[in-house]
N, C-alpha and C. Protein backbone atom coordinates (compact mmCIF):
# COMPACT_ATOMS: atom_id res chain seq x y z
N MET A 1 0.85 -1.20 0.00
CA MET A 1 0.00 0.00 0.00
C MET A 1 0.88 1.25 0.00
N ARG A 2 0.59 2.18 -0.91
CA ARG A 2 1.37 3.40 -0.98
C ARG A 2 1.03 4.34 0.17
N ALA A 3 2.08 5.00 0.69
CA ALA A 3 1.84 5.97 1.76
C ALA A 3 1.05 7.14 1.20
N SER A 4 0.16 7.70 2.01
CA SER A 4 -0.63 8.83 1.56
C SER A 4 0.26 10.05 1.37
N ARG A 5 -0.07 10.87 0.38
CA ARG A 5 0.72 12.06 0.10
C ARG A 5 0.53 13.08 1.21
N ARG A 6 1.64 13.78 1.55
CA ARG A 6 1.57 14.76 2.62
C ARG A 6 0.65 15.90 2.25
N LEU A 7 -0.02 16.43 3.23
CA LEU A 7 -0.89 17.58 3.02
C LEU A 7 -0.07 18.78 2.55
N PRO A 8 -0.68 19.72 1.83
CA PRO A 8 0.07 20.91 1.40
C PRO A 8 0.53 21.72 2.60
N ILE A 9 1.61 22.43 2.43
CA ILE A 9 2.21 23.18 3.54
C ILE A 9 1.22 24.16 4.16
N GLU A 10 0.29 24.68 3.37
CA GLU A 10 -0.69 25.62 3.90
C GLU A 10 -1.56 24.98 4.98
N ALA A 11 -1.75 23.67 4.89
CA ALA A 11 -2.56 22.96 5.88
C ALA A 11 -1.77 22.64 7.14
N LEU A 12 -0.45 22.83 7.09
CA LEU A 12 0.40 22.46 8.23
C LEU A 12 0.83 23.65 9.07
N THR A 13 0.69 24.86 8.55
CA THR A 13 1.30 26.01 9.20
C THR A 13 0.82 26.22 10.63
N SER A 14 -0.44 25.94 10.91
CA SER A 14 -0.95 26.18 12.27
C SER A 14 -0.38 25.17 13.27
N TYR A 15 0.29 24.13 12.78
CA TYR A 15 0.88 23.13 13.67
C TYR A 15 2.40 23.31 13.78
N LEU A 16 2.93 24.27 13.04
CA LEU A 16 4.37 24.51 13.01
C LEU A 16 4.73 25.76 13.80
N LEU A 17 5.65 25.64 14.72
CA LEU A 17 6.22 26.80 15.40
C LEU A 17 7.54 27.13 14.71
N GLU A 18 7.55 28.18 13.91
CA GLU A 18 8.76 28.53 13.17
C GLU A 18 9.78 29.16 14.11
N MET A 19 11.02 28.68 14.01
CA MET A 19 12.06 29.09 14.93
C MET A 19 13.41 29.02 14.21
N PRO A 20 14.35 29.93 14.48
CA PRO A 20 15.68 29.81 13.87
C PRO A 20 16.33 28.48 14.21
N HIS A 21 17.20 28.00 13.31
CA HIS A 21 17.91 26.74 13.52
C HIS A 21 19.41 27.04 13.56
N PRO A 22 20.03 27.01 14.73
CA PRO A 22 21.46 27.35 14.84
C PRO A 22 22.35 26.55 13.91
N GLY A 23 21.97 25.30 13.62
CA GLY A 23 22.79 24.48 12.74
C GLY A 23 22.77 24.92 11.29
N HIS A 24 21.82 25.77 10.92
CA HIS A 24 21.68 26.22 9.54
C HIS A 24 22.07 27.68 9.36
N LEU A 25 22.55 28.32 10.42
CA LEU A 25 22.84 29.75 10.37
C LEU A 25 24.23 30.03 10.91
N PRO A 26 24.89 31.10 10.45
CA PRO A 26 26.19 31.47 11.04
C PRO A 26 25.99 31.92 12.48
N PRO A 27 27.02 31.73 13.31
CA PRO A 27 26.88 32.07 14.74
C PRO A 27 26.47 33.50 15.01
N ASP A 28 26.85 34.43 14.11
CA ASP A 28 26.53 35.84 14.33
C ASP A 28 25.24 36.27 13.64
N SER A 29 24.43 35.32 13.21
CA SER A 29 23.17 35.67 12.56
C SER A 29 22.27 36.45 13.51
N PRO A 30 21.68 37.54 13.06
CA PRO A 30 20.76 38.29 13.92
C PRO A 30 19.55 37.47 14.35
N LEU A 31 19.23 36.42 13.60
CA LEU A 31 18.10 35.56 13.98
C LEU A 31 18.36 34.81 15.27
N LEU A 32 19.65 34.66 15.63
CA LEU A 32 20.00 33.93 16.85
C LEU A 32 20.23 34.87 18.03
N ALA A 33 20.11 36.16 17.80
CA ALA A 33 20.32 37.12 18.87
C ALA A 33 19.25 36.97 19.94
N PRO A 34 19.57 37.32 21.18
CA PRO A 34 18.56 37.22 22.25
C PRO A 34 17.30 38.01 21.91
N THR A 35 16.17 37.39 22.15
CA THR A 35 14.86 38.02 21.95
C THR A 35 13.96 37.60 23.10
N PRO A 36 12.80 38.23 23.25
CA PRO A 36 11.88 37.76 24.29
C PRO A 36 11.54 36.29 24.11
N ALA A 37 11.42 35.59 25.21
CA ALA A 37 11.10 34.16 25.16
C ALA A 37 9.70 33.94 24.59
N VAL A 38 9.46 32.73 24.13
CA VAL A 38 8.14 32.42 23.57
C VAL A 38 7.08 32.55 24.67
N ALA A 39 5.91 32.96 24.28
CA ALA A 39 4.77 33.06 25.20
C ALA A 39 3.83 31.90 24.89
N TRP A 40 3.73 30.96 25.79
CA TRP A 40 2.93 29.76 25.53
C TRP A 40 1.46 30.11 25.23
N HIS A 41 0.94 31.13 25.89
CA HIS A 41 -0.45 31.51 25.64
C HIS A 41 -0.65 31.95 24.20
N ASP A 42 0.34 32.66 23.65
CA ASP A 42 0.24 33.10 22.27
C ASP A 42 0.30 31.92 21.29
N ILE A 43 1.04 30.89 21.65
CA ILE A 43 1.21 29.74 20.76
C ILE A 43 -0.02 28.84 20.79
N PHE A 44 -0.56 28.60 21.99
CA PHE A 44 -1.66 27.63 22.14
C PHE A 44 -3.02 28.26 22.42
N ALA A 45 -3.03 29.58 22.64
CA ALA A 45 -4.28 30.31 22.91
C ALA A 45 -4.98 29.83 24.17
N ASN A 46 -4.22 29.34 25.13
CA ASN A 46 -4.77 28.96 26.43
C ASN A 46 -3.63 28.92 27.44
N ASP A 47 -3.95 28.67 28.69
CA ASP A 47 -2.94 28.62 29.74
C ASP A 47 -2.78 27.21 30.32
N HIS A 48 -3.02 26.21 29.50
CA HIS A 48 -2.86 24.83 29.96
C HIS A 48 -1.38 24.51 30.19
N PRO A 49 -1.08 23.50 30.98
CA PRO A 49 0.32 23.09 31.18
C PRO A 49 0.97 22.73 29.85
N VAL A 50 2.29 22.95 29.78
CA VAL A 50 3.05 22.67 28.56
C VAL A 50 4.07 21.58 28.82
N GLU A 51 4.13 20.60 27.92
CA GLU A 51 5.15 19.55 27.96
C GLU A 51 5.90 19.56 26.64
N ILE A 52 7.21 19.30 26.71
CA ILE A 52 8.08 19.33 25.53
C ILE A 52 8.66 17.94 25.30
N GLU A 53 8.59 17.46 24.05
CA GLU A 53 9.31 16.26 23.68
C GLU A 53 10.47 16.66 22.78
N VAL A 54 11.66 16.23 23.15
CA VAL A 54 12.86 16.52 22.38
C VAL A 54 13.19 15.32 21.50
N GLY A 55 13.18 15.53 20.18
CA GLY A 55 13.45 14.44 19.24
C GLY A 55 12.26 13.52 19.10
N PHE A 56 11.19 14.00 18.45
CA PHE A 56 9.94 13.24 18.46
C PHE A 56 9.84 12.20 17.35
N GLY A 57 10.83 12.14 16.44
CA GLY A 57 10.84 11.07 15.44
C GLY A 57 9.60 11.08 14.58
N LYS A 58 8.87 9.96 14.58
CA LYS A 58 7.66 9.85 13.76
C LYS A 58 6.42 10.41 14.47
N GLY A 59 6.57 10.85 15.71
CA GLY A 59 5.49 11.58 16.37
C GLY A 59 4.45 10.74 17.08
N LEU A 60 4.73 9.46 17.35
CA LEU A 60 3.73 8.62 18.01
C LEU A 60 3.38 9.14 19.40
N PHE A 61 4.39 9.51 20.18
CA PHE A 61 4.13 10.01 21.52
C PHE A 61 3.28 11.28 21.47
N LEU A 62 3.63 12.22 20.61
CA LEU A 62 2.90 13.47 20.54
C LEU A 62 1.44 13.26 20.14
N THR A 63 1.20 12.41 19.17
CA THR A 63 -0.17 12.22 18.71
C THR A 63 -1.01 11.46 19.73
N THR A 64 -0.47 10.41 20.31
CA THR A 64 -1.25 9.64 21.28
C THR A 64 -1.50 10.45 22.55
N GLN A 65 -0.49 11.16 23.03
CA GLN A 65 -0.66 11.96 24.23
C GLN A 65 -1.54 13.18 23.97
N GLY A 66 -1.38 13.78 22.79
CA GLY A 66 -2.23 14.92 22.45
C GLY A 66 -3.70 14.55 22.41
N GLU A 67 -4.00 13.38 21.88
CA GLU A 67 -5.39 12.91 21.84
C GLU A 67 -5.89 12.52 23.22
N ALA A 68 -5.04 11.87 24.02
CA ALA A 68 -5.47 11.37 25.33
C ALA A 68 -5.56 12.46 26.38
N ARG A 69 -4.82 13.57 26.20
CA ARG A 69 -4.74 14.61 27.23
C ARG A 69 -4.99 15.99 26.60
N PRO A 70 -6.23 16.27 26.25
CA PRO A 70 -6.54 17.54 25.59
C PRO A 70 -6.32 18.76 26.47
N GLY A 71 -6.22 18.57 27.77
CA GLY A 71 -5.99 19.68 28.67
C GLY A 71 -4.52 20.00 28.88
N VAL A 72 -3.65 19.39 28.08
CA VAL A 72 -2.21 19.65 28.13
C VAL A 72 -1.74 20.07 26.75
N ASN A 73 -0.85 21.06 26.68
CA ASN A 73 -0.24 21.48 25.43
C ASN A 73 1.10 20.78 25.26
N PHE A 74 1.38 20.33 24.03
CA PHE A 74 2.63 19.62 23.75
C PHE A 74 3.39 20.33 22.63
N LEU A 75 4.70 20.47 22.82
CA LEU A 75 5.58 20.97 21.78
C LEU A 75 6.63 19.91 21.49
N GLY A 76 6.70 19.48 20.24
CA GLY A 76 7.74 18.54 19.82
C GLY A 76 8.84 19.27 19.08
N ILE A 77 10.09 18.95 19.40
CA ILE A 77 11.25 19.59 18.76
C ILE A 77 12.05 18.54 18.02
N GLU A 78 12.33 18.80 16.75
CA GLU A 78 13.15 17.92 15.91
C GLU A 78 14.23 18.75 15.23
N ILE A 79 15.40 18.16 15.06
CA ILE A 79 16.50 18.90 14.44
C ILE A 79 16.44 18.81 12.92
N GLU A 80 15.67 17.84 12.37
CA GLU A 80 15.55 17.66 10.93
C GLU A 80 14.19 18.16 10.44
N ARG A 81 14.23 19.01 9.43
CA ARG A 81 12.99 19.62 8.91
C ARG A 81 12.04 18.57 8.34
N LYS A 82 12.56 17.56 7.66
CA LYS A 82 11.68 16.58 7.03
C LYS A 82 10.83 15.84 8.06
N TYR A 83 11.41 15.54 9.22
CA TYR A 83 10.64 14.87 10.26
C TYR A 83 9.64 15.82 10.90
N THR A 84 10.01 17.09 10.98
CA THR A 84 9.08 18.08 11.52
C THR A 84 7.83 18.17 10.65
N LEU A 85 8.01 18.14 9.33
CA LEU A 85 6.87 18.21 8.42
C LEU A 85 6.02 16.94 8.49
N VAL A 86 6.66 15.80 8.67
CA VAL A 86 5.91 14.55 8.84
C VAL A 86 5.05 14.63 10.10
N GLY A 87 5.65 15.15 11.19
CA GLY A 87 4.90 15.30 12.43
C GLY A 87 3.74 16.26 12.29
N ALA A 88 3.97 17.39 11.63
CA ALA A 88 2.90 18.37 11.43
C ALA A 88 1.77 17.78 10.60
N ASP A 89 2.13 16.97 9.60
CA ASP A 89 1.11 16.32 8.77
C ASP A 89 0.21 15.41 9.61
N ARG A 90 0.80 14.66 10.50
CA ARG A 90 0.01 13.76 11.35
C ARG A 90 -0.89 14.54 12.30
N LEU A 91 -0.39 15.63 12.81
CA LEU A 91 -1.21 16.45 13.69
C LEU A 91 -2.38 17.06 12.93
N ALA A 92 -2.11 17.54 11.73
CA ALA A 92 -3.15 18.18 10.93
C ALA A 92 -4.26 17.19 10.58
N ARG A 93 -3.89 15.97 10.27
CA ARG A 93 -4.89 14.95 9.91
C ARG A 93 -5.78 14.61 11.11
N ARG A 94 -5.22 14.75 12.31
CA ARG A 94 -5.99 14.47 13.53
C ARG A 94 -6.60 15.72 14.14
N LYS A 95 -6.27 16.88 13.56
CA LYS A 95 -6.77 18.17 14.05
C LYS A 95 -6.45 18.36 15.53
N LEU A 96 -5.20 18.09 15.90
CA LEU A 96 -4.77 18.20 17.29
C LEU A 96 -4.25 19.61 17.56
N GLY A 97 -5.14 20.48 17.96
CA GLY A 97 -4.77 21.87 18.20
C GLY A 97 -3.91 22.08 19.43
N ASN A 98 -3.80 21.07 20.30
CA ASN A 98 -2.98 21.21 21.51
C ASN A 98 -1.55 20.71 21.31
N VAL A 99 -1.16 20.43 20.07
CA VAL A 99 0.19 19.96 19.78
C VAL A 99 0.80 20.79 18.65
N LYS A 100 2.04 21.24 18.86
CA LYS A 100 2.79 21.95 17.82
C LYS A 100 4.15 21.27 17.69
N VAL A 101 4.79 21.48 16.53
CA VAL A 101 6.13 20.95 16.32
C VAL A 101 7.03 22.06 15.80
N CYS A 102 8.32 21.88 16.04
CA CYS A 102 9.29 22.92 15.72
C CYS A 102 10.58 22.28 15.25
N CYS A 103 11.21 22.87 14.22
CA CYS A 103 12.50 22.39 13.72
C CYS A 103 13.60 23.34 14.20
N THR A 104 14.36 22.88 15.18
CA THR A 104 15.47 23.67 15.69
C THR A 104 16.34 22.77 16.56
N ASP A 105 17.38 23.34 17.15
CA ASP A 105 18.22 22.62 18.10
C ASP A 105 17.61 22.80 19.48
N ALA A 106 17.18 21.71 20.10
CA ALA A 106 16.48 21.80 21.38
C ALA A 106 17.35 22.42 22.47
N ARG A 107 18.65 22.17 22.42
CA ARG A 107 19.53 22.73 23.45
C ARG A 107 19.50 24.26 23.38
N TRP A 108 19.58 24.79 22.15
CA TRP A 108 19.51 26.24 21.97
C TRP A 108 18.13 26.77 22.35
N PHE A 109 17.08 26.07 21.93
CA PHE A 109 15.73 26.53 22.19
C PHE A 109 15.44 26.62 23.69
N LEU A 110 15.81 25.59 24.45
CA LEU A 110 15.57 25.62 25.89
C LEU A 110 16.34 26.76 26.54
N ARG A 111 17.56 26.97 26.09
CA ARG A 111 18.41 28.00 26.71
C ARG A 111 17.97 29.41 26.35
N GLU A 112 17.55 29.63 25.09
CA GLU A 112 17.34 30.98 24.59
C GLU A 112 15.88 31.41 24.45
N ARG A 113 14.94 30.48 24.39
CA ARG A 113 13.59 30.86 24.03
C ARG A 113 12.50 30.42 25.00
N VAL A 114 12.87 29.78 26.11
CA VAL A 114 11.85 29.28 27.03
C VAL A 114 11.94 30.01 28.37
N VAL A 115 10.81 30.48 28.84
CA VAL A 115 10.74 31.17 30.14
C VAL A 115 11.07 30.18 31.26
N PRO A 116 11.94 30.55 32.19
CA PRO A 116 12.24 29.65 33.30
C PRO A 116 10.97 29.27 34.06
N GLY A 117 10.89 28.01 34.43
CA GLY A 117 9.77 27.53 35.24
C GLY A 117 8.44 27.51 34.54
N SER A 118 8.42 27.46 33.19
CA SER A 118 7.15 27.54 32.47
C SER A 118 6.69 26.22 31.86
N VAL A 119 7.44 25.13 32.10
CA VAL A 119 7.15 23.84 31.48
C VAL A 119 6.88 22.81 32.56
N SER A 120 5.90 21.93 32.31
CA SER A 120 5.53 20.91 33.29
C SER A 120 6.34 19.63 33.16
N ALA A 121 6.76 19.29 31.94
CA ALA A 121 7.53 18.06 31.74
C ALA A 121 8.35 18.16 30.47
N VAL A 122 9.51 17.50 30.49
CA VAL A 122 10.34 17.34 29.30
C VAL A 122 10.51 15.84 29.07
N HIS A 123 10.31 15.41 27.83
CA HIS A 123 10.40 13.99 27.46
C HIS A 123 11.56 13.80 26.49
N VAL A 124 12.45 12.87 26.79
CA VAL A 124 13.58 12.55 25.92
C VAL A 124 13.60 11.04 25.73
N TYR A 125 13.25 10.58 24.54
CA TYR A 125 13.13 9.15 24.29
C TYR A 125 14.05 8.72 23.14
N PHE A 126 14.96 7.82 23.44
CA PHE A 126 15.83 7.16 22.47
C PHE A 126 16.68 8.13 21.65
N PRO A 127 17.42 9.03 22.32
CA PRO A 127 18.32 9.92 21.58
C PRO A 127 19.50 9.13 21.02
N ASP A 128 20.09 9.64 19.94
CA ASP A 128 21.26 9.00 19.34
C ASP A 128 22.44 9.14 20.30
N PRO A 129 23.16 8.02 20.59
CA PRO A 129 24.28 8.11 21.55
C PRO A 129 25.46 8.94 21.07
N TRP A 130 25.75 8.99 19.76
CA TRP A 130 26.90 9.73 19.23
C TRP A 130 28.18 9.40 19.99
N TRP A 131 28.61 8.14 19.92
CA TRP A 131 29.76 7.70 20.73
C TRP A 131 31.09 8.23 20.20
N LYS A 132 31.24 8.39 18.87
CA LYS A 132 32.54 8.79 18.35
C LYS A 132 32.94 10.18 18.83
N THR A 133 34.24 10.33 19.12
CA THR A 133 34.73 11.58 19.69
C THR A 133 34.36 12.79 18.83
N ARG A 134 34.48 12.65 17.52
CA ARG A 134 34.20 13.80 16.65
C ARG A 134 32.71 14.16 16.62
N HIS A 135 31.86 13.26 17.14
CA HIS A 135 30.43 13.51 17.16
C HIS A 135 29.92 13.93 18.54
N ARG A 136 30.79 13.98 19.53
CA ARG A 136 30.33 14.21 20.91
C ARG A 136 29.56 15.51 21.07
N LYS A 137 29.89 16.51 20.25
CA LYS A 137 29.19 17.79 20.37
C LYS A 137 27.71 17.67 20.01
N ARG A 138 27.35 16.60 19.31
CA ARG A 138 25.94 16.39 18.93
C ARG A 138 25.16 15.65 20.01
N LYS A 139 25.84 15.09 20.98
CA LYS A 139 25.16 14.31 22.01
C LYS A 139 24.18 15.19 22.78
N LEU A 140 22.96 14.73 22.89
CA LEU A 140 21.91 15.55 23.51
C LEU A 140 21.99 15.54 25.02
N PHE A 141 21.98 14.36 25.62
CA PHE A 141 21.80 14.28 27.06
C PHE A 141 23.15 14.48 27.76
N THR A 142 23.45 15.73 28.06
CA THR A 142 24.65 16.12 28.78
C THR A 142 24.24 16.80 30.08
N ARG A 143 25.22 17.13 30.90
CA ARG A 143 24.88 17.84 32.14
C ARG A 143 24.29 19.21 31.83
N ASP A 144 24.83 19.90 30.83
CA ASP A 144 24.27 21.20 30.46
C ASP A 144 22.82 21.07 30.03
N PHE A 145 22.51 20.03 29.25
CA PHE A 145 21.12 19.82 28.83
C PHE A 145 20.23 19.57 30.04
N ALA A 146 20.68 18.73 30.97
CA ALA A 146 19.89 18.45 32.17
C ALA A 146 19.65 19.73 32.96
N GLU A 147 20.66 20.59 33.04
CA GLU A 147 20.50 21.85 33.78
C GLU A 147 19.55 22.80 33.06
N GLN A 148 19.56 22.78 31.73
CA GLN A 148 18.59 23.59 30.99
C GLN A 148 17.17 23.08 31.20
N CYS A 149 17.02 21.76 31.31
CA CYS A 149 15.71 21.21 31.63
C CYS A 149 15.24 21.69 33.00
N VAL A 150 16.14 21.68 33.96
CA VAL A 150 15.80 22.19 35.30
C VAL A 150 15.38 23.64 35.22
N ARG A 151 16.07 24.43 34.42
CA ARG A 151 15.76 25.86 34.32
C ARG A 151 14.35 26.09 33.79
N VAL A 152 13.93 25.34 32.78
CA VAL A 152 12.63 25.59 32.17
C VAL A 152 11.48 24.89 32.89
N LEU A 153 11.79 23.85 33.67
CA LEU A 153 10.74 23.13 34.38
C LEU A 153 10.29 23.88 35.63
N ARG A 154 9.01 23.80 35.91
CA ARG A 154 8.49 24.37 37.15
C ARG A 154 8.90 23.48 38.32
N PRO A 155 8.86 23.98 39.56
CA PRO A 155 9.09 23.10 40.71
C PRO A 155 8.09 21.95 40.69
N GLY A 156 8.58 20.76 40.84
CA GLY A 156 7.73 19.58 40.72
C GLY A 156 7.61 19.05 39.30
N GLY A 157 8.18 19.77 38.32
CA GLY A 157 8.15 19.32 36.93
C GLY A 157 8.96 18.06 36.74
N LEU A 158 8.68 17.34 35.65
CA LEU A 158 9.24 16.01 35.43
C LEU A 158 10.14 15.97 34.20
N LEU A 159 11.24 15.21 34.31
CA LEU A 159 12.12 14.93 33.19
C LEU A 159 12.08 13.42 32.94
N HIS A 160 11.54 13.03 31.79
CA HIS A 160 11.40 11.62 31.41
C HIS A 160 12.52 11.26 30.45
N PHE A 161 13.09 10.06 30.63
CA PHE A 161 14.19 9.64 29.77
C PHE A 161 14.09 8.14 29.52
N ALA A 162 14.34 7.74 28.26
CA ALA A 162 14.39 6.32 27.92
C ALA A 162 15.39 6.10 26.81
N THR A 163 16.08 4.96 26.85
CA THR A 163 17.04 4.59 25.83
C THR A 163 17.15 3.08 25.79
N ASP A 164 17.59 2.57 24.65
CA ASP A 164 17.86 1.13 24.54
C ASP A 164 19.35 0.84 24.68
N VAL A 165 20.16 1.89 24.92
CA VAL A 165 21.62 1.74 25.02
C VAL A 165 22.03 1.82 26.48
N GLU A 166 22.47 0.68 27.03
CA GLU A 166 22.76 0.62 28.47
C GLU A 166 23.87 1.60 28.86
N ASP A 167 24.94 1.69 28.07
CA ASP A 167 26.04 2.60 28.42
C ASP A 167 25.58 4.05 28.44
N TYR A 168 24.72 4.41 27.50
CA TYR A 168 24.18 5.77 27.47
C TYR A 168 23.36 6.02 28.73
N PHE A 169 22.57 5.03 29.13
CA PHE A 169 21.74 5.16 30.32
C PHE A 169 22.61 5.34 31.56
N VAL A 170 23.63 4.52 31.72
CA VAL A 170 24.51 4.59 32.89
C VAL A 170 25.21 5.95 32.94
N GLU A 171 25.72 6.40 31.79
CA GLU A 171 26.38 7.70 31.74
C GLU A 171 25.42 8.83 32.10
N SER A 172 24.20 8.76 31.60
CA SER A 172 23.21 9.81 31.88
C SER A 172 22.83 9.81 33.36
N MET A 173 22.68 8.64 33.94
CA MET A 173 22.36 8.55 35.36
C MET A 173 23.45 9.20 36.20
N GLU A 174 24.69 8.95 35.82
CA GLU A 174 25.81 9.50 36.59
C GLU A 174 25.86 11.02 36.51
N LEU A 175 25.64 11.57 35.34
CA LEU A 175 25.73 13.03 35.22
C LEU A 175 24.56 13.72 35.90
N VAL A 176 23.38 13.09 35.90
CA VAL A 176 22.23 13.72 36.55
C VAL A 176 22.39 13.71 38.07
N ARG A 177 23.13 12.76 38.59
CA ARG A 177 23.39 12.75 40.04
C ARG A 177 24.09 14.03 40.48
N GLU A 178 24.79 14.69 39.55
CA GLU A 178 25.50 15.93 39.88
C GLU A 178 24.60 17.16 39.81
N VAL A 179 23.36 16.98 39.33
CA VAL A 179 22.42 18.10 39.23
C VAL A 179 21.55 18.09 40.48
N ALA A 180 21.88 18.95 41.43
CA ALA A 180 21.27 18.89 42.76
C ALA A 180 19.77 19.14 42.74
N ALA A 181 19.28 19.88 41.75
CA ALA A 181 17.85 20.24 41.73
C ALA A 181 16.96 19.09 41.29
N LEU A 182 17.54 17.98 40.80
CA LEU A 182 16.74 16.85 40.34
C LEU A 182 16.78 15.70 41.34
N THR A 183 15.64 15.13 41.59
CA THR A 183 15.56 13.94 42.43
C THR A 183 14.91 12.82 41.63
N MET A 184 15.43 11.61 41.78
CA MET A 184 14.93 10.49 40.99
C MET A 184 13.66 9.94 41.61
N LEU A 185 12.70 9.60 40.76
CA LEU A 185 11.43 9.02 41.20
C LEU A 185 11.33 7.58 40.71
N PRO A 186 10.50 6.76 41.36
CA PRO A 186 10.24 5.42 40.83
C PRO A 186 9.56 5.54 39.47
N MET A 187 9.92 4.65 38.57
CA MET A 187 9.32 4.69 37.24
C MET A 187 7.92 4.10 37.26
N PRO A 188 6.94 4.81 36.68
CA PRO A 188 5.61 4.21 36.53
C PRO A 188 5.67 3.07 35.54
N GLU A 189 4.67 2.21 35.55
CA GLU A 189 4.64 1.08 34.63
C GLU A 189 4.58 1.58 33.19
N ALA A 190 5.40 0.98 32.34
CA ALA A 190 5.47 1.41 30.95
C ALA A 190 4.21 1.03 30.19
N SER A 191 3.93 1.78 29.14
CA SER A 191 2.80 1.48 28.26
C SER A 191 2.96 0.08 27.68
N ALA A 192 1.87 -0.64 27.58
CA ALA A 192 1.93 -2.00 27.05
C ALA A 192 2.42 -2.03 25.62
N GLN A 193 2.10 -1.00 24.84
CA GLN A 193 2.49 -0.96 23.44
C GLN A 193 3.76 -0.17 23.18
N GLY A 194 4.16 0.65 24.15
CA GLY A 194 5.33 1.49 23.94
C GLY A 194 4.93 2.91 23.60
N LEU A 195 5.69 3.87 24.11
CA LEU A 195 5.36 5.27 23.93
C LEU A 195 5.74 5.82 22.56
N THR A 196 6.76 5.23 21.94
CA THR A 196 7.26 5.75 20.67
C THR A 196 7.39 4.63 19.65
N ASN A 197 7.58 5.02 18.38
CA ASN A 197 7.81 4.03 17.33
C ASN A 197 9.07 3.23 17.59
N PHE A 198 10.12 3.92 18.07
CA PHE A 198 11.36 3.22 18.39
C PHE A 198 11.13 2.15 19.46
N GLU A 199 10.37 2.52 20.49
CA GLU A 199 10.15 1.55 21.57
C GLU A 199 9.38 0.33 21.07
N ARG A 200 8.39 0.55 20.24
CA ARG A 200 7.63 -0.58 19.70
C ARG A 200 8.55 -1.49 18.89
N LYS A 201 9.40 -0.89 18.07
CA LYS A 201 10.33 -1.66 17.26
C LYS A 201 11.29 -2.44 18.15
N TYR A 202 11.86 -1.78 19.16
CA TYR A 202 12.85 -2.42 20.00
C TYR A 202 12.24 -3.55 20.82
N ARG A 203 11.00 -3.36 21.25
CA ARG A 203 10.34 -4.43 21.99
C ARG A 203 10.15 -5.66 21.12
N GLU A 204 9.76 -5.43 19.87
CA GLU A 204 9.60 -6.55 18.94
C GLU A 204 10.91 -7.29 18.73
N GLU A 205 12.02 -6.54 18.77
CA GLU A 205 13.34 -7.14 18.60
C GLU A 205 13.88 -7.74 19.89
N GLY A 206 13.15 -7.55 21.00
CA GLY A 206 13.57 -8.11 22.28
C GLY A 206 14.65 -7.32 22.99
N ARG A 207 14.88 -6.08 22.59
CA ARG A 207 15.89 -5.26 23.26
C ARG A 207 15.39 -4.79 24.62
N PRO A 208 16.28 -4.70 25.61
CA PRO A 208 15.87 -4.11 26.89
C PRO A 208 15.72 -2.59 26.75
N ILE A 209 14.80 -2.02 27.52
CA ILE A 209 14.58 -0.58 27.53
C ILE A 209 14.95 -0.05 28.91
N TYR A 210 15.76 0.98 28.95
CA TYR A 210 16.21 1.58 30.21
C TYR A 210 15.51 2.93 30.38
N ARG A 211 14.90 3.13 31.54
CA ARG A 211 14.10 4.33 31.78
C ARG A 211 14.52 5.02 33.07
N ALA A 212 14.28 6.33 33.09
CA ALA A 212 14.47 7.09 34.32
C ALA A 212 13.47 8.23 34.35
N LEU A 213 13.13 8.63 35.55
CA LEU A 213 12.20 9.74 35.76
C LEU A 213 12.72 10.58 36.90
N TRP A 214 12.91 11.88 36.63
CA TRP A 214 13.38 12.81 37.66
C TRP A 214 12.36 13.93 37.86
N GLN A 215 12.37 14.50 39.05
CA GLN A 215 11.50 15.61 39.38
C GLN A 215 12.32 16.78 39.90
N VAL A 216 11.93 17.98 39.48
CA VAL A 216 12.61 19.19 39.97
C VAL A 216 12.13 19.46 41.40
N LYS A 217 13.07 19.62 42.28
CA LYS A 217 12.75 19.86 43.68
C LYS A 217 12.05 21.22 43.85
N ALA A 218 11.16 21.27 44.82
CA ALA A 218 10.52 22.54 45.14
C ALA A 218 11.54 23.49 45.74
N HIS A 219 11.36 24.78 45.48
CA HIS A 219 12.29 25.78 46.04
C HIS A 219 12.17 25.78 47.55
N GLU A 220 13.31 25.83 48.19
CA GLU A 220 13.32 25.86 49.67
C GLU A 220 13.24 27.29 50.17
């Protein structure tokens, strides 16, 4: 069966949050200069809680959660434009007004465009490990990234993480231990089908899945 043709871009614009992409611009581009942070109310036209998924892939988590939790706003961030358009197409077909997608570098976006304490949860599922030394700068889950998550999360906000790579999981656990504002919580029972396309695939292949859940401590 042939895949259905993507909807025209005009049908996707309301699901796309246009944002500069540091990887596609020179460092001194005026588009990357500091500007006022995004206003969630302006993006979603309501004051519902906001959750961010970093690296949403084919968008299974965003679409299922967006449908199941209409009282929550979701923003998915992807570094590749083609995947962002695929995600927007799926949202448009389901008319999910509480979900938007954006093509940019999540590390830059969290640092430069998100109001501190304005997000309820950050989800990071199956990021690429980037083990080779020359690729280390592309690795997502670093201490700096964890600290940026703490900055944007409200007190009591949650950081969700899953990977099929045990070494990546162990390394991430060790670096998060150094972030004093995060405390580890017991993991809730995983979805029977899996939260993402990657998880469903890996389960079928019999791979183990490693998960962690942290919460931002309340201000003392």
